[in-house]
């Protein structure tokens, strides 16, 4: 019996098999959880559908644009119906900023790019937590994905770093609000992983090399390691952990130079 046996969870943010969200979904499923998946737009549907189908034909797959409240309401209605009115786990692995905002200087960020980055990457956690909370009648665990650029300047990460800082602050406020309902909210701050989203950041290959050279473990984090951390935060082993940012980056965050 796995540590998540009997738990019901919903995954936001799988794009393809390299997604951190997929690594965590696999770890949750291997630990015994039953999962539902969302996809963002028709362009990603086939990829997510193919992956979700490996968990069995009964796996729920539904579209969700996290900038649309009507989509979020529908998703949680569907998830509630599918899982018998309850939910235990939610993974938020959603972030976006216009490509131009991840290439130049931060000072050049347009008002619209700032708005979009914060709506998709930070406010969506608030909206999804609000939708999930009524289904988490026995408490629950909400896990979001962050990055070191929320804390320190990472060249070219730009407005996404500012949005991730908002995501981490939102995690703390949500943890306070939802704590009385026994719902825990935490972030994993992952080291760089070669995902579809990461490849949109200018100089990403240089970032991988820099982490490998400077992290205490002298390597980059593996997707399956992030998966196991996600499984821990979802489990009773993390029952007293909420409002935290857990760095899973081979120790890079501790370094001063």
C-alpha atoms as a PDB file:
ATOM      1  CA  UNK A   1       0.000   0.000   0.000  1.00  0.00           C
ATOM      2  CA  UNK A   2       1.414   3.396  -0.999  1.00  0.00           C
ATOM      3  CA  UNK A   3       1.494   6.447   1.228  1.00  0.00           C
ATOM      4  CA  UNK A   4      -1.145   8.132  -0.976  1.00  0.00           C
ATOM      5  CA  UNK A   5      -3.474   5.147  -1.374  1.00  0.00           C
ATOM      6  CA  UNK A   6      -7.077   6.303  -1.562  1.00  0.00           C
ATOM      7  CA  UNK A   7      -6.146   9.932  -2.199  1.00  0.00           C
ATOM      8  CA  UNK A   8      -7.734  11.835  -5.087  1.00  0.00           C
ATOM      9  CA  UNK A   9      -5.762  14.504  -6.904  1.00  0.00           C
ATOM     10  CA  UNK A  10      -5.896  16.894  -9.844  1.00  0.00           C
ATOM     11  CA  UNK A  11      -2.881  17.962 -11.894  1.00  0.00           C
ATOM     12  CA  UNK A  12      -2.598  21.359 -13.588  1.00  0.00           C
ATOM     13  CA  UNK A  13       0.349  21.964 -15.882  1.00  0.00           C
ATOM     14  CA  UNK A  14       1.371  18.855 -17.795  1.00  0.00           C
ATOM     15  CA  UNK A  15       2.571  19.814 -21.283  1.00  0.00           C
ATOM     16  CA  UNK A  16       4.570  16.733 -22.255  1.00  0.00           C
ATOM     17  CA  UNK A  17       6.566  13.863 -20.746  1.00  0.00           C
ATOM     18  CA  UNK A  18       9.376  16.235 -19.711  1.00  0.00           C
ATOM     19  CA  UNK A  19       7.083  18.404 -17.587  1.00  0.00           C
ATOM     20  CA  UNK A  20       7.809  18.602 -13.877  1.00  0.00           C
ATOM     21  CA  UNK A  21       4.052  18.182 -13.429  1.00  0.00           C
ATOM     22  CA  UNK A  22       4.266  14.803 -15.152  1.00  0.00           C
ATOM     23  CA  UNK A  23       7.121  13.678 -12.880  1.00  0.00           C
ATOM     24  CA  UNK A  24       5.052  14.570  -9.818  1.00  0.00           C
ATOM     25  CA  UNK A  25       1.924  12.968 -11.279  1.00  0.00           C
ATOM     26  CA  UNK A  26       3.841   9.723 -11.799  1.00  0.00           C
ATOM     27  CA  UNK A  27       5.117   9.808  -8.215  1.00  0.00           C
ATOM     28  CA  UNK A  28       1.633  10.478  -6.848  1.00  0.00           C
ATOM     29  CA  UNK A  29       0.171   7.654  -8.905  1.00  0.00           C
ATOM     30  CA  UNK A  30       2.939   5.235  -7.889  1.00  0.00           C
ATOM     31  CA  UNK A  31       2.206   6.126  -4.244  1.00  0.00           C
ATOM     32  CA  UNK A  32      -1.419   5.101  -4.760  1.00  0.00           C
ATOM     33  CA  UNK A  33      -3.284   8.307  -5.671  1.00  0.00           C
ATOM     34  CA  UNK A  34      -6.021   8.430  -8.283  1.00  0.00           C
ATOM     35  CA  UNK A  35      -5.554  11.463 -10.525  1.00  0.00           C
ATOM     36  CA  UNK A  36      -7.367  13.758 -12.922  1.00  0.00           C
ATOM     37  CA  UNK A  37      -5.578  15.959 -15.466  1.00  0.00           C
ATOM     38  CA  UNK A  38      -6.240  19.273 -17.137  1.00  0.00           C
ATOM     39  CA  UNK A  39      -4.782  20.611 -20.357  1.00  0.00           C
ATOM     40  CA  UNK A  40      -4.446  24.150 -21.635  1.00  0.00           C
ATOM     41  CA  UNK A  41      -5.854  24.453 -25.151  1.00  0.00           C
ATOM     42  CA  UNK A  42      -6.180  22.075 -28.072  1.00  0.00           C
ATOM     43  CA  UNK A  43      -2.474  22.373 -28.909  1.00  0.00           C
ATOM     44  CA  UNK A  44      -1.537  20.407 -25.800  1.00  0.00           C
ATOM     45  CA  UNK A  45      -4.547  18.103 -25.601  1.00  0.00           C
ATOM     46  CA  UNK A  46      -3.080  15.162 -27.534  1.00  0.00           C
ATOM     47  CA  UNK A  47       0.131  15.130 -25.475  1.00  0.00           C
ATOM     48  CA  UNK A  48      -1.678  15.209 -22.147  1.00  0.00           C
ATOM     49  CA  UNK A  49      -4.319  12.737 -23.286  1.00  0.00           C
ATOM     50  CA  UNK A  50      -1.661  10.231 -24.318  1.00  0.00           C
ATOM     51  CA  UNK A  51       0.133  10.528 -20.978  1.00  0.00           C
ATOM     52  CA  UNK A  52      -3.016  10.493 -18.840  1.00  0.00           C
ATOM     53  CA  UNK A  53      -4.269   7.377 -20.622  1.00  0.00           C
ATOM     54  CA  UNK A  54      -1.311   5.425 -19.215  1.00  0.00           C
ATOM     55  CA  UNK A  55      -2.983   5.733 -15.804  1.00  0.00           C
ATOM     56  CA  UNK A  56      -6.039   3.887 -17.067  1.00  0.00           C
ATOM     57  CA  UNK A  57      -9.099   4.539 -19.234  1.00  0.00           C
ATOM     58  CA  UNK A  58     -11.043   5.932 -16.285  1.00  0.00           C
ATOM     59  CA  UNK A  59      -8.656   8.883 -15.869  1.00  0.00           C
ATOM     60  CA  UNK A  60     -10.460  12.217 -16.117  1.00  0.00           C
ATOM     61  CA  UNK A  61      -9.034  14.695 -18.633  1.00  0.00           C
ATOM     62  CA  UNK A  62     -10.550  18.146 -19.027  1.00  0.00           C
ATOM     63  CA  UNK A  63      -9.597  21.510 -20.501  1.00  0.00           C
ATOM     64  CA  UNK A  64      -8.710  24.407 -18.214  1.00  0.00           C
ATOM     65  CA  UNK A  65      -7.562  27.894 -19.099  1.00  0.00           C
ATOM     66  CA  UNK A  66      -6.604  29.168 -15.646  1.00  0.00           C
ATOM     67  CA  UNK A  67      -7.304  32.764 -16.666  1.00  0.00           C
ATOM     68  CA  UNK A  68     -11.005  31.923 -17.049  1.00  0.00           C
ATOM     69  CA  UNK A  69     -13.148  31.581 -13.954  1.00  0.00           C
ATOM     70  CA  UNK A  70     -15.809  29.668 -15.886  1.00  0.00           C
ATOM     71  CA  UNK A  71     -13.220  27.022 -16.826  1.00  0.00           C
ATOM     72  CA  UNK A  72     -12.078  26.708 -13.209  1.00  0.00           C
ATOM     73  CA  UNK A  73     -15.645  26.360 -11.940  1.00  0.00           C
ATOM     74  CA  UNK A  74     -16.408  23.678 -14.532  1.00  0.00           C
ATOM     75  CA  UNK A  75     -13.210  21.752 -13.788  1.00  0.00           C
ATOM     76  CA  UNK A  76     -13.944  21.464 -10.076  1.00  0.00           C
ATOM     77  CA  UNK A  77     -17.538  20.492 -10.776  1.00  0.00           C
ATOM     78  CA  UNK A  78     -16.228  17.710 -13.024  1.00  0.00           C
ATOM     79  CA  UNK A  79     -13.523  16.662 -10.578  1.00  0.00           C
ATOM     80  CA  UNK A  80     -16.013  16.604  -7.715  1.00  0.00           C
ATOM     81  CA  UNK A  81     -18.435  14.453  -9.691  1.00  0.00           C
ATOM     82  CA  UNK A  82     -15.652  12.118 -10.834  1.00  0.00           C
ATOM     83  CA  UNK A  83     -14.214  11.586  -7.348  1.00  0.00           C
ATOM     84  CA  UNK A  84     -17.476  11.392  -5.444  1.00  0.00           C
ATOM     85  CA  UNK A  85     -17.415  14.908  -4.060  1.00  0.00           C
ATOM     86  CA  UNK A  86     -13.949  14.917  -2.526  1.00  0.00           C
ATOM     87  CA  UNK A  87     -10.420  15.952  -3.393  1.00  0.00           C
ATOM     88  CA  UNK A  88      -7.182  15.520  -1.461  1.00  0.00           C
ATOM     89  CA  UNK A  89      -4.379  16.782  -3.684  1.00  0.00           C
ATOM     90  CA  UNK A  90      -3.775  19.593  -6.166  1.00  0.00           C
ATOM     91  CA  UNK A  91      -0.654  20.336  -8.178  1.00  0.00           C
ATOM     92  CA  UNK A  92      -0.217  23.835  -9.616  1.00  0.00           C
ATOM     93  CA  UNK A  93       2.568  23.746 -12.214  1.00  0.00           C
ATOM     94  CA  UNK A  94       1.390  26.628 -14.364  1.00  0.00           C
ATOM     95  CA  UNK A  95       3.391  29.650 -15.502  1.00  0.00           C
ATOM     96  CA  UNK A  96       3.570  31.886 -18.552  1.00  0.00           C
ATOM     97  CA  UNK A  97       5.012  35.198 -19.675  1.00  0.00           C
ATOM     98  CA  UNK A  98       5.249  36.542 -23.230  1.00  0.00           C
ATOM     99  CA  UNK A  99       8.510  35.432 -24.847  1.00  0.00           C
ATOM    100  CA  UNK A 100       9.702  39.004 -25.404  1.00  0.00           C
ATOM    101  CA  UNK A 101       9.498  39.624 -21.657  1.00  0.00           C
ATOM    102  CA  UNK A 102      11.995  36.797 -21.052  1.00  0.00           C
ATOM    103  CA  UNK A 103      14.630  38.071 -23.467  1.00  0.00           C
ATOM    104  CA  UNK A 104      15.380  41.752 -22.848  1.00  0.00           C
ATOM    105  CA  UNK A 105      15.778  43.830 -19.706  1.00  0.00           C
ATOM    106  CA  UNK A 106      13.248  43.673 -16.874  1.00  0.00           C
ATOM    107  CA  UNK A 107      12.847  47.453 -16.996  1.00  0.00           C
ATOM    108  CA  UNK A 108      11.403  47.050 -20.497  1.00  0.00           C
ATOM    109  CA  UNK A 109       8.540  44.817 -19.286  1.00  0.00           C
ATOM    110  CA  UNK A 110       5.270  46.080 -20.708  1.00  0.00           C
ATOM    111  CA  UNK A 111       2.200  46.582 -18.575  1.00  0.00           C
ATOM    112  CA  UNK A 112       0.427  43.808 -20.481  1.00  0.00           C
ATOM    113  CA  UNK A 113       3.297  41.325 -20.067  1.00  0.00           C
ATOM    114  CA  UNK A 114       3.354  42.067 -16.330  1.00  0.00           C
ATOM    115  CA  UNK A 115      -0.395  41.524 -16.078  1.00  0.00           C
ATOM    116  CA  UNK A 116      -0.365  38.273 -18.038  1.00  0.00           C
ATOM    117  CA  UNK A 117       2.585  36.813 -16.125  1.00  0.00           C
ATOM    118  CA  UNK A 118       0.958  37.492 -12.763  1.00  0.00           C
ATOM    119  CA  UNK A 119      -2.508  36.351 -13.816  1.00  0.00           C
ATOM    120  CA  UNK A 120      -1.336  33.008 -15.212  1.00  0.00           C
ATOM    121  CA  UNK A 121       1.573  32.306 -12.886  1.00  0.00           C
ATOM    122  CA  UNK A 122       0.413  33.624  -9.501  1.00  0.00           C
ATOM    123  CA  UNK A 123      -3.267  34.552  -9.309  1.00  0.00           C
ATOM    124  CA  UNK A 124      -4.205  31.178 -10.794  1.00  0.00           C
ATOM    125  CA  UNK A 125      -3.009  29.483  -7.578  1.00  0.00           C
ATOM    126  CA  UNK A 126      -5.473  31.592  -5.592  1.00  0.00           C
ATOM    127  CA  UNK A 127      -8.300  30.791  -8.001  1.00  0.00           C
ATOM    128  CA  UNK A 128      -7.547  27.057  -8.053  1.00  0.00           C
ATOM    129  CA  UNK A 129      -7.232  26.875  -4.258  1.00  0.00           C
ATOM    130  CA  UNK A 130     -10.592  28.611  -3.919  1.00  0.00           C
ATOM    131  CA  UNK A 131     -12.145  26.069  -6.281  1.00  0.00           C
ATOM    132  CA  UNK A 132     -10.521  23.073  -4.619  1.00  0.00           C
ATOM    133  CA  UNK A 133     -11.121  23.963  -0.975  1.00  0.00           C
ATOM    134  CA  UNK A 134     -14.840  23.009  -0.814  1.00  0.00           C
ATOM    135  CA  UNK A 135     -13.929  19.514  -2.076  1.00  0.00           C
ATOM    136  CA  UNK A 136     -11.111  19.049   0.444  1.00  0.00           C
ATOM    137  CA  UNK A 137     -13.498  18.079   3.200  1.00  0.00           C
ATOM    138  CA  UNK A 138     -10.902  15.902   4.949  1.00  0.00           C
ATOM    139  CA  UNK A 139      -8.094  18.401   4.502  1.00  0.00           C
ATOM    140  CA  UNK A 140      -5.649  18.311   1.654  1.00  0.00           C
ATOM    141  CA  UNK A 141      -2.323  19.269   0.143  1.00  0.00           C
ATOM    142  CA  UNK A 142      -1.800  21.920  -2.529  1.00  0.00           C
ATOM    143  CA  UNK A 143       1.656  22.000  -4.133  1.00  0.00           C
ATOM    144  CA  UNK A 144       2.898  24.766  -6.437  1.00  0.00           C
ATOM    145  CA  UNK A 145       6.106  25.033  -8.458  1.00  0.00           C
ATOM    146  CA  UNK A 146       8.458  27.965  -7.998  1.00  0.00           C
ATOM    147  CA  UNK A 147      12.057  28.865  -8.842  1.00  0.00           C
ATOM    148  CA  UNK A 148      15.025  30.664  -7.240  1.00  0.00           C
ATOM    149  CA  UNK A 149      14.392  33.671  -9.506  1.00  0.00           C
ATOM    150  CA  UNK A 150      11.604  34.579  -7.061  1.00  0.00           C
ATOM    151  CA  UNK A 151      14.238  35.330  -4.423  1.00  0.00           C
ATOM    152  CA  UNK A 152      17.313  36.540  -6.324  1.00  0.00           C
ATOM    153  CA  UNK A 153      17.915  38.086  -9.732  1.00  0.00           C
ATOM    154  CA  UNK A 154      18.369  35.531 -12.502  1.00  0.00           C
ATOM    155  CA  UNK A 155      19.220  37.315 -15.782  1.00  0.00           C
ATOM    156  CA  UNK A 156      16.501  36.928 -18.424  1.00  0.00           C
ATOM    157  CA  UNK A 157      14.014  35.411 -15.948  1.00  0.00           C
ATOM    158  CA  UNK A 158      12.716  38.954 -15.553  1.00  0.00           C
ATOM    159  CA  UNK A 159       8.975  39.325 -14.960  1.00  0.00           C
ATOM    160  CA  UNK A 160       8.610  35.596 -14.299  1.00  0.00           C
ATOM    161  CA  UNK A 161      10.799  36.002 -11.220  1.00  0.00           C
ATOM    162  CA  UNK A 162       8.528  38.763  -9.950  1.00  0.00           C
ATOM    163  CA  UNK A 163       5.466  36.604 -10.646  1.00  0.00           C
ATOM    164  CA  UNK A 164       7.044  33.653  -8.818  1.00  0.00           C
ATOM    165  CA  UNK A 165       7.688  35.944  -5.830  1.00  0.00           C
ATOM    166  CA  UNK A 166       3.961  36.724  -5.870  1.00  0.00           C
ATOM    167  CA  UNK A 167       3.241  32.985  -6.103  1.00  0.00           C
ATOM    168  CA  UNK A 168       5.372  32.272  -3.034  1.00  0.00           C
ATOM    169  CA  UNK A 169       3.720  35.075  -1.052  1.00  0.00           C
ATOM    170  CA  UNK A 170       0.314  33.776  -2.140  1.00  0.00           C
ATOM    171  CA  UNK A 171       1.316  30.338  -0.842  1.00  0.00           C
ATOM    172  CA  UNK A 172       1.875  31.782   2.624  1.00  0.00           C
ATOM    173  CA  UNK A 173      -1.407  33.695   2.694  1.00  0.00           C
ATOM    174  CA  UNK A 174      -3.332  30.692   1.386  1.00  0.00           C
ATOM    175  CA  UNK A 175      -1.687  28.477   3.996  1.00  0.00           C
ATOM    176  CA  UNK A 176      -2.964  30.853   6.687  1.00  0.00           C
ATOM    177  CA  UNK A 177      -6.484  31.057   5.264  1.00  0.00           C
ATOM    178  CA  UNK A 178      -6.879  27.328   4.599  1.00  0.00           C
ATOM    179  CA  UNK A 179      -5.044  25.985   7.639  1.00  0.00           C
ATOM    180  CA  UNK A 180      -8.203  25.719   9.769  1.00  0.00           C
ATOM    181  CA  UNK A 181      -9.608  23.407   7.072  1.00  0.00           C
ATOM    182  CA  UNK A 182      -6.486  21.211   7.377  1.00  0.00           C
ATOM    183  CA  UNK A 183      -5.457  22.187   3.858  1.00  0.00           C
ATOM    184  CA  UNK A 184      -1.709  22.643   3.469  1.00  0.00           C
ATOM    185  CA  UNK A 185      -0.171  24.853   0.762  1.00  0.00           C
ATOM    186  CA  UNK A 186       3.517  24.625  -0.144  1.00  0.00           C
ATOM    187  CA  UNK A 187       5.925  25.442  -2.978  1.00  0.00           C
ATOM    188  CA  UNK A 188       8.733  23.394  -4.453  1.00  0.00           C
ATOM    189  CA  UNK A 189      11.494  25.662  -5.729  1.00  0.00           C
ATOM    190  CA  UNK A 190      13.115  23.456  -8.348  1.00  0.00           C
ATOM    191  CA  UNK A 191      16.526  23.785  -9.877  1.00  0.00           C
ATOM    192  CA  UNK A 192      16.520  24.214 -13.654  1.00  0.00           C
ATOM    193  CA  UNK A 193      15.018  21.306 -15.593  1.00  0.00           C
ATOM    194  CA  UNK A 194      14.926  21.030 -19.386  1.00  0.00           C
ATOM    195  CA  UNK A 195      11.182  21.499 -19.868  1.00  0.00           C
ATOM    196  CA  UNK A 196       9.152  23.110 -22.646  1.00  0.00           C
ATOM    197  CA  UNK A 197       8.668  26.242 -20.517  1.00  0.00           C
ATOM    198  CA  UNK A 198      12.330  26.491 -19.524  1.00  0.00           C
ATOM    199  CA  UNK A 199      13.493  26.455 -23.129  1.00  0.00           C
ATOM    200  CA  UNK A 200      11.698  29.763 -23.604  1.00  0.00           C
ATOM    201  CA  UNK A 201      14.189  31.486 -21.282  1.00  0.00           C
ATOM    202  CA  UNK A 202      17.164  33.056 -23.038  1.00  0.00           C
ATOM    203  CA  UNK A 203      20.465  31.460 -22.010  1.00  0.00           C
ATOM    204  CA  UNK A 204      18.848  28.416 -20.401  1.00  0.00           C
ATOM    205  CA  UNK A 205      21.633  26.008 -21.411  1.00  0.00           C
ATOM    206  CA  UNK A 206      24.153  28.325 -19.725  1.00  0.00           C
ATOM    207  CA  UNK A 207      21.979  28.246 -16.601  1.00  0.00           C
ATOM    208  CA  UNK A 208      22.126  24.433 -16.502  1.00  0.00           C
ATOM    209  CA  UNK A 209      25.912  24.505 -16.782  1.00  0.00           C
ATOM    210  CA  UNK A 210      26.205  27.178 -14.072  1.00  0.00           C
ATOM    211  CA  UNK A 211      24.097  25.181 -11.609  1.00  0.00           C
ATOM    212  CA  UNK A 212      26.091  22.025 -12.263  1.00  0.00           C
ATOM    213  CA  UNK A 213      29.348  23.868 -11.618  1.00  0.00           C
ATOM    214  CA  UNK A 214      28.261  25.758  -8.485  1.00  0.00           C
ATOM    215  CA  UNK A 215      25.691  23.629  -6.627  1.00  0.00           C
ATOM    216  CA  UNK A 216      27.146  21.699  -3.673  1.00  0.00           C
ATOM    217  CA  UNK A 217      26.116  18.383  -5.247  1.00  0.00           C
ATOM    218  CA  UNK A 218      27.773  19.399  -8.552  1.00  0.00           C
ATOM    219  CA  UNK A 219      24.828  18.345 -10.670  1.00  0.00           C
ATOM    220  CA  UNK A 220      21.329  19.365 -11.676  1.00  0.00           C
ATOM    221  CA  UNK A 221      18.153  18.034 -10.133  1.00  0.00           C
ATOM    222  CA  UNK A 222      16.383  15.135 -11.847  1.00  0.00           C
ATOM    223  CA  UNK A 223      12.640  15.162 -12.625  1.00  0.00           C
ATOM    224  CA  UNK A 224      12.084  11.994 -10.604  1.00  0.00           C
ATOM    225  CA  UNK A 225      13.635  13.687  -7.566  1.00  0.00           C
ATOM    226  CA  UNK A 226      11.101  16.486  -7.866  1.00  0.00           C
ATOM    227  CA  UNK A 227       8.440  13.808  -8.165  1.00  0.00           C
ATOM    228  CA  UNK A 228       9.478  12.220  -4.894  1.00  0.00           C
ATOM    229  CA  UNK A 229       9.475  15.613  -3.164  1.00  0.00           C
ATOM    230  CA  UNK A 230       5.977  16.216  -4.484  1.00  0.00           C
ATOM    231  CA  UNK A 231       4.894  12.852  -3.098  1.00  0.00           C
ATOM    232  CA  UNK A 232       6.366  13.725   0.295  1.00  0.00           C
ATOM    233  CA  UNK A 233       4.524  17.057   0.464  1.00  0.00           C
ATOM    234  CA  UNK A 234       1.298  15.268  -0.454  1.00  0.00           C
ATOM    235  CA  UNK A 235       1.776  12.636   2.238  1.00  0.00           C
ATOM    236  CA  UNK A 236       1.114  12.471   5.961  1.00  0.00           C
ATOM    237  CA  UNK A 237       4.872  12.734   6.427  1.00  0.00           C
ATOM    238  CA  UNK A 238       4.479  16.446   5.683  1.00  0.00           C
ATOM    239  CA  UNK A 239       1.358  16.856   7.831  1.00  0.00           C
ATOM    240  CA  UNK A 240       2.896  19.714   9.849  1.00  0.00           C
ATOM    241  CA  UNK A 241       4.447  21.532   6.865  1.00  0.00           C
ATOM    242  CA  UNK A 242       2.538  24.423   5.296  1.00  0.00           C
ATOM    243  CA  UNK A 243       3.296  27.828   3.820  1.00  0.00           C
ATOM    244  CA  UNK A 244       6.842  26.758   2.986  1.00  0.00           C
ATOM    245  CA  UNK A 245       9.139  26.992  -0.028  1.00  0.00           C
ATOM    246  CA  UNK A 246      11.170  23.789  -0.238  1.00  0.00           C
ATOM    247  CA  UNK A 247      14.325  24.114  -2.350  1.00  0.00           C
ATOM    248  CA  UNK A 248      15.088  21.045  -4.446  1.00  0.00           C
ATOM    249  CA  UNK A 249      18.079  22.314  -6.400  1.00  0.00           C
ATOM    250  CA  UNK A 250      21.081  20.219  -5.321  1.00  0.00           C
ATOM    251  CA  UNK A 251      21.873  22.885  -2.740  1.00  0.00           C
ATOM    252  CA  UNK A 252      22.348  25.809  -5.113  1.00  0.00           C
ATOM    253  CA  UNK A 253      20.176  28.129  -2.990  1.00  0.00           C
ATOM    254  CA  UNK A 254      22.607  28.084  -0.059  1.00  0.00           C
ATOM    255  CA  UNK A 255      25.532  29.438  -2.071  1.00  0.00           C
ATOM    256  CA  UNK A 256      26.703  33.038  -1.860  1.00  0.00           C
ATOM    257  CA  UNK A 257      29.148  32.815  -4.750  1.00  0.00           C
END
